[in-house]
Amino acid sequence: MTTFILTALLLIVAVTSGKRWLYICVGYLDYWLETRRNLDILRNATKRRRDGL
């Protein structure tokens, strides 16, 4: 929930500051979500590996 609030605040600031800040915030958010998704994939793979042994 805190992540959603911070993201919303960053978007509000970005819109009022101009398109460049919006692109930076959206790009960082995309990077963060992609990194988190990759870590989840690795975490699930290691869980399956431990269960399979």
PDB file of N, CA and C in Angstrom:
ATOM      1  N   MET A   1       0.825  -1.190   0.000  1.00  0.00           N
ATOM      2  CA  MET A   1       0.000   0.000   0.000  1.00  0.00           C
ATOM      3  C   MET A   1       0.873   1.260   0.000  1.00  0.00           C
ATOM      4  N   THR A   2       1.949   1.213   0.767  1.00  0.00           N
ATOM      5  CA  THR A   2       2.847   2.356   0.829  1.00  0.00           C
ATOM      6  C   THR A   2       3.474   2.625  -0.543  1.00  0.00           C
ATOM      7  N   THR A   3       3.794   1.559  -1.260  1.00  0.00           N
ATOM      8  CA  THR A   3       4.378   1.708  -2.593  1.00  0.00           C
ATOM      9  C   THR A   3       3.404   2.405  -3.523  1.00  0.00           C
ATOM     10  N   PHE A   4       2.139   2.046  -3.439  1.00  0.00           N
ATOM     11  CA  PHE A   4       1.123   2.671  -4.281  1.00  0.00           C
ATOM     12  C   PHE A   4       1.000   4.162  -3.970  1.00  0.00           C
ATOM     13  N   ILE A   5       1.012   4.526  -2.708  1.00  0.00           N
ATOM     14  CA  ILE A   5       0.889   5.923  -2.301  1.00  0.00           C
ATOM     15  C   ILE A   5       2.095   6.725  -2.800  1.00  0.00           C
ATOM     16  N   LEU A   6       3.301   6.163  -2.607  1.00  0.00           N
ATOM     17  CA  LEU A   6       4.505   6.862  -3.066  1.00  0.00           C
ATOM     18  C   LEU A   6       4.517   7.013  -4.584  1.00  0.00           C
ATOM     19  N   THR A   7       4.081   5.980  -5.288  1.00  0.00           N
ATOM     20  CA  THR A   7       4.014   6.058  -6.744  1.00  0.00           C
ATOM     21  C   THR A   7       3.027   7.126  -7.183  1.00  0.00           C
ATOM     22  N   ALA A   8       1.875   7.182  -6.543  1.00  0.00           N
ATOM     23  CA  ALA A   8       0.877   8.193  -6.882  1.00  0.00           C
ATOM     24  C   ALA A   8       1.415   9.598  -6.625  1.00  0.00           C
ATOM     25  N   LEU A   9       2.095   9.788  -5.514  1.00  0.00           N
ATOM     26  CA  LEU A   9       2.675  11.095  -5.216  1.00  0.00           C
ATOM     27  C   LEU A   9       3.748  11.473  -6.227  1.00  0.00           C
ATOM     28  N   LEU A  10       4.577  10.512  -6.608  1.00  0.00           N
ATOM     29  CA  LEU A  10       5.592  10.786  -7.621  1.00  0.00           C
ATOM     30  C   LEU A  10       4.965  11.158  -8.954  1.00  0.00           C
ATOM     31  N   LEU A  11       3.884  10.508  -9.316  1.00  0.00           N
ATOM     32  CA  LEU A  11       3.215  10.837 -10.568  1.00  0.00           C
ATOM     33  C   LEU A  11       2.603  12.229 -10.525  1.00  0.00           C
ATOM     34  N   ILE A  12       2.037  12.598  -9.394  1.00  0.00           N
ATOM     35  CA  ILE A  12       1.462  13.943  -9.261  1.00  0.00           C
ATOM     36  C   ILE A  12       2.552  14.992  -9.394  1.00  0.00           C
ATOM     37  N   VAL A  13       3.672  14.784  -8.720  1.00  0.00           N
ATOM     38  CA  VAL A  13       4.790  15.723  -8.806  1.00  0.00           C
ATOM     39  C   VAL A  13       5.335  15.754 -10.227  1.00  0.00           C
ATOM     40  N   ALA A  14       5.413  14.595 -10.848  1.00  0.00           N
ATOM     41  CA  ALA A  14       5.953  14.512 -12.206  1.00  0.00           C
ATOM     42  C   ALA A  14       5.066  15.258 -13.197  1.00  0.00           C
ATOM     43  N   VAL A  15       3.764  15.127 -13.055  1.00  0.00           N
ATOM     44  CA  VAL A  15       2.855  15.798 -13.983  1.00  0.00           C
ATOM     45  C   VAL A  15       2.950  17.306 -13.829  1.00  0.00           C
ATOM     46  N   THR A  16       3.063  17.764 -12.610  1.00  0.00           N
ATOM     47  CA  THR A  16       3.158  19.202 -12.394  1.00  0.00           C
ATOM     48  C   THR A  16       4.530  19.747 -12.785  1.00  0.00           C
ATOM     49  N   SER A  17       5.547  18.912 -12.770  1.00  0.00           N
ATOM     50  CA  SER A  17       6.900  19.368 -13.113  1.00  0.00           C
ATOM     51  C   SER A  17       7.204  19.262 -14.594  1.00  0.00           C
ATOM     52  N   GLY A  18       6.439  18.501 -15.297  1.00  0.00           N
ATOM     53  CA  GLY A  18       6.668  18.380 -16.729  1.00  0.00           C
ATOM     54  C   GLY A  18       6.797  16.939 -17.171  1.00  0.00           C
ATOM     55  N   LYS A  19       6.805  16.786 -18.486  1.00  0.00           N
ATOM     56  CA  LYS A  19       6.828  15.442 -19.050  1.00  0.00           C
ATOM     57  C   LYS A  19       8.121  14.693 -18.757  1.00  0.00           C
ATOM     58  N   ARG A  20       9.211  15.403 -18.687  1.00  0.00           N
ATOM     59  CA  ARG A  20      10.494  14.729 -18.448  1.00  0.00           C
ATOM     60  C   ARG A  20      10.489  13.977 -17.127  1.00  0.00           C
ATOM     61  N   TRP A  21       9.986  14.611 -16.070  1.00  0.00           N
ATOM     62  CA  TRP A  21       9.918  13.936 -14.772  1.00  0.00           C
ATOM     63  C   TRP A  21       8.969  12.760 -14.810  1.00  0.00           C
ATOM     64  N   LEU A  22       7.894  12.891 -15.550  1.00  0.00           N
ATOM     65  CA  LEU A  22       6.947  11.788 -15.697  1.00  0.00           C
ATOM     66  C   LEU A  22       7.634  10.594 -16.347  1.00  0.00           C
ATOM     67  N   TYR A  23       8.388  10.844 -17.402  1.00  0.00           N
ATOM     68  CA  TYR A  23       9.097   9.752 -18.075  1.00  0.00           C
ATOM     69  C   TYR A  23      10.123   9.103 -17.150  1.00  0.00           C
ATOM     70  N   ILE A  24      10.807   9.906 -16.368  1.00  0.00           N
ATOM     71  CA  ILE A  24      11.794   9.367 -15.433  1.00  0.00           C
ATOM     72  C   ILE A  24      11.119   8.491 -14.387  1.00  0.00           C
ATOM     73  N   CYS A  25      10.019   8.957 -13.816  1.00  0.00           N
ATOM     74  CA  CYS A  25       9.324   8.194 -12.776  1.00  0.00           C
ATOM     75  C   CYS A  25       8.731   6.906 -13.334  1.00  0.00           C
ATOM     76  N   VAL A  26       8.116   6.992 -14.501  1.00  0.00           N
ATOM     77  CA  VAL A  26       7.526   5.798 -15.092  1.00  0.00           C
ATOM     78  C   VAL A  26       8.625   4.810 -15.477  1.00  0.00           C
ATOM     79  N   GLY A  27       9.731   5.301 -15.994  1.00  0.00           N
ATOM     80  CA  GLY A  27      10.846   4.425 -16.339  1.00  0.00           C
ATOM     81  C   GLY A  27      11.418   3.734 -15.117  1.00  0.00           C
ATOM     82  N   TYR A  28      11.574   4.465 -14.025  1.00  0.00           N
ATOM     83  CA  TYR A  28      12.092   3.862 -12.801  1.00  0.00           C
ATOM     84  C   TYR A  28      11.107   2.852 -12.236  1.00  0.00           C
ATOM     85  N   LEU A  29       9.828   3.183 -12.275  1.00  0.00           N
ATOM     86  CA  LEU A  29       8.811   2.252 -11.785  1.00  0.00           C
ATOM     87  C   LEU A  29       8.810   0.977 -12.616  1.00  0.00           C
ATOM     88  N   ASP A  30       8.944   1.097 -13.926  1.00  0.00           N
ATOM     89  CA  ASP A  30       9.011  -0.069 -14.800  1.00  0.00           C
ATOM     90  C   ASP A  30      10.240  -0.908 -14.475  1.00  0.00           C
ATOM     91  N   TYR A  31      11.370  -0.267 -14.280  1.00  0.00           N
ATOM     92  CA  TYR A  31      12.600  -0.972 -13.920  1.00  0.00           C
ATOM     93  C   TYR A  31      12.434  -1.707 -12.593  1.00  0.00           C
ATOM     94  N   TRP A  32      11.851  -1.035 -11.620  1.00  0.00           N
ATOM     95  CA  TRP A  32      11.648  -1.622 -10.301  1.00  0.00           C
ATOM     96  C   TRP A  32      10.727  -2.832 -10.367  1.00  0.00           C
ATOM     97  N   LEU A  33       9.623  -2.715 -11.106  1.00  0.00           N
ATOM     98  CA  LEU A  33       8.692  -3.835 -11.242  1.00  0.00           C
ATOM     99  C   LEU A  33       9.336  -5.006 -11.979  1.00  0.00           C
ATOM    100  N   GLU A  34      10.121  -4.719 -12.989  1.00  0.00           N
ATOM    101  CA  GLU A  34      10.801  -5.789 -13.738  1.00  0.00           C
ATOM    102  C   GLU A  34      11.809  -6.507 -12.849  1.00  0.00           C
ATOM    103  N   THR A  35      12.566  -5.758 -12.055  1.00  0.00           N
ATOM    104  CA  THR A  35      13.528  -6.355 -11.135  1.00  0.00           C
ATOM    105  C   THR A  35      12.825  -7.211 -10.104  1.00  0.00           C
ATOM    106  N   ARG A  36      11.719  -6.705  -9.584  1.00  0.00           N
ATOM    107  CA  ARG A  36      10.950  -7.463  -8.599  1.00  0.00           C
ATOM    108  C   ARG A  36      10.394  -8.748  -9.206  1.00  0.00           C
ATOM    109  N   ARG A  37       9.914  -8.664 -10.452  1.00  0.00           N
ATOM    110  CA  ARG A  37       9.380  -9.847 -11.120  1.00  0.00           C
ATOM    111  C   ARG A  37      10.482 -10.884 -11.331  1.00  0.00           C
ATOM    112  N   ASN A  38      11.663 -10.443 -11.733  1.00  0.00           N
ATOM    113  CA  ASN A  38      12.780 -11.365 -11.923  1.00  0.00           C
ATOM    114  C   ASN A  38      13.190 -12.023 -10.612  1.00  0.00           C
ATOM    115  N   LEU A  39      13.192 -11.269  -9.530  1.00  0.00           N
ATOM    116  CA  LEU A  39      13.533 -11.849  -8.233  1.00  0.00           C
ATOM    117  C   LEU A  39      12.485 -12.867  -7.798  1.00  0.00           C
ATOM    118  N   ASP A  40      11.221 -12.605  -8.074  1.00  0.00           N
ATOM    119  CA  ASP A  40      10.164 -13.566  -7.751  1.00  0.00           C
ATOM    120  C   ASP A  40      10.333 -14.852  -8.541  1.00  0.00           C
ATOM    121  N   ILE A  41      10.709 -14.728  -9.816  1.00  0.00           N
ATOM    122  CA  ILE A  41      10.934 -15.913 -10.645  1.00  0.00           C
ATOM    123  C   ILE A  41      12.083 -16.737 -10.077  1.00  0.00           C
ATOM    124  N   LEU A  42      13.177 -16.075  -9.696  1.00  0.00           N
ATOM    125  CA  LEU A  42      14.310 -16.793  -9.109  1.00  0.00           C
ATOM    126  C   LEU A  42      13.937 -17.436  -7.782  1.00  0.00           C
ATOM    127  N   ARG A  43      13.172 -16.724  -6.977  1.00  0.00           N
ATOM    128  CA  ARG A  43      12.757 -17.251  -5.681  1.00  0.00           C
ATOM    129  C   ARG A  43      11.892 -18.501  -5.854  1.00  0.00           C
ATOM    130  N   ASN A  44      10.964 -18.456  -6.803  1.00  0.00           N
ATOM    131  CA  ASN A  44      10.113 -19.614  -7.047  1.00  0.00           C
ATOM    132  C   ASN A  44      10.915 -20.783  -7.603  1.00  0.00           C
ATOM    133  N   ALA A  45      11.895 -20.506  -8.432  1.00  0.00           N
ATOM    134  CA  ALA A  45      12.722 -21.576  -8.991  1.00  0.00           C
ATOM    135  C   ALA A  45      13.530 -22.262  -7.897  1.00  0.00           C
ATOM    136  N   THR A  46      14.061 -21.496  -6.961  1.00  0.00           N
ATOM    137  CA  THR A  46      14.837 -22.116  -5.885  1.00  0.00           C
ATOM    138  C   THR A  46      13.925 -22.889  -4.943  1.00  0.00           C
ATOM    139  N   LYS A  47      12.690 -22.446  -4.747  1.00  0.00           N
ATOM    140  CA  LYS A  47      11.746 -23.210  -3.922  1.00  0.00           C
ATOM    141  C   LYS A  47      11.446 -24.549  -4.578  1.00  0.00           C
ATOM    142  N   ARG A  48      11.212 -24.539  -5.895  1.00  0.00           N
ATOM    143  CA  ARG A  48      10.928 -25.789  -6.613  1.00  0.00           C
ATOM    144  C   ARG A  48      12.142 -26.704  -6.534  1.00  0.00           C
ATOM    145  N   ARG A  49      13.317 -26.137  -6.635  1.00  0.00           N
ATOM    146  CA  ARG A  49      14.545 -26.950  -6.594  1.00  0.00           C
ATOM    147  C   ARG A  49      14.690 -27.623  -5.238  1.00  0.00           C
ATOM    148  N   ARG A  50      14.443 -26.887  -4.165  1.00  0.00           N
ATOM    149  CA  ARG A  50      14.546 -27.470  -2.831  1.00  0.00           C
ATOM    150  C   ARG A  50      13.484 -28.534  -2.606  1.00  0.00           C
ATOM    151  N   ASP A  51      12.286 -28.315  -3.133  1.00  0.00           N
ATOM    152  CA  ASP A  51      11.223 -29.289  -2.955  1.00  0.00           C
ATOM    153  C   ASP A  51      11.503 -30.557  -3.754  1.00  0.00           C
ATOM    154  N   GLY A  52      12.158 -30.410  -4.895  1.00  0.00           N
ATOM    155  CA  GLY A  52      12.426 -31.550  -5.757  1.00  0.00           C
ATOM    156  C   GLY A  52      13.568 -32.432  -5.262  1.00  0.00           C
ATOM    157  N   LEU A  53      14.429 -31.898  -4.406  1.00  0.00           N
ATOM    158  CA  LEU A  53      15.569 -32.701  -3.936  1.00  0.00           C
ATOM    159  C   LEU A  53      15.205 -33.635  -2.864  1.00  0.00           C
TER     160      LEU A  53
END
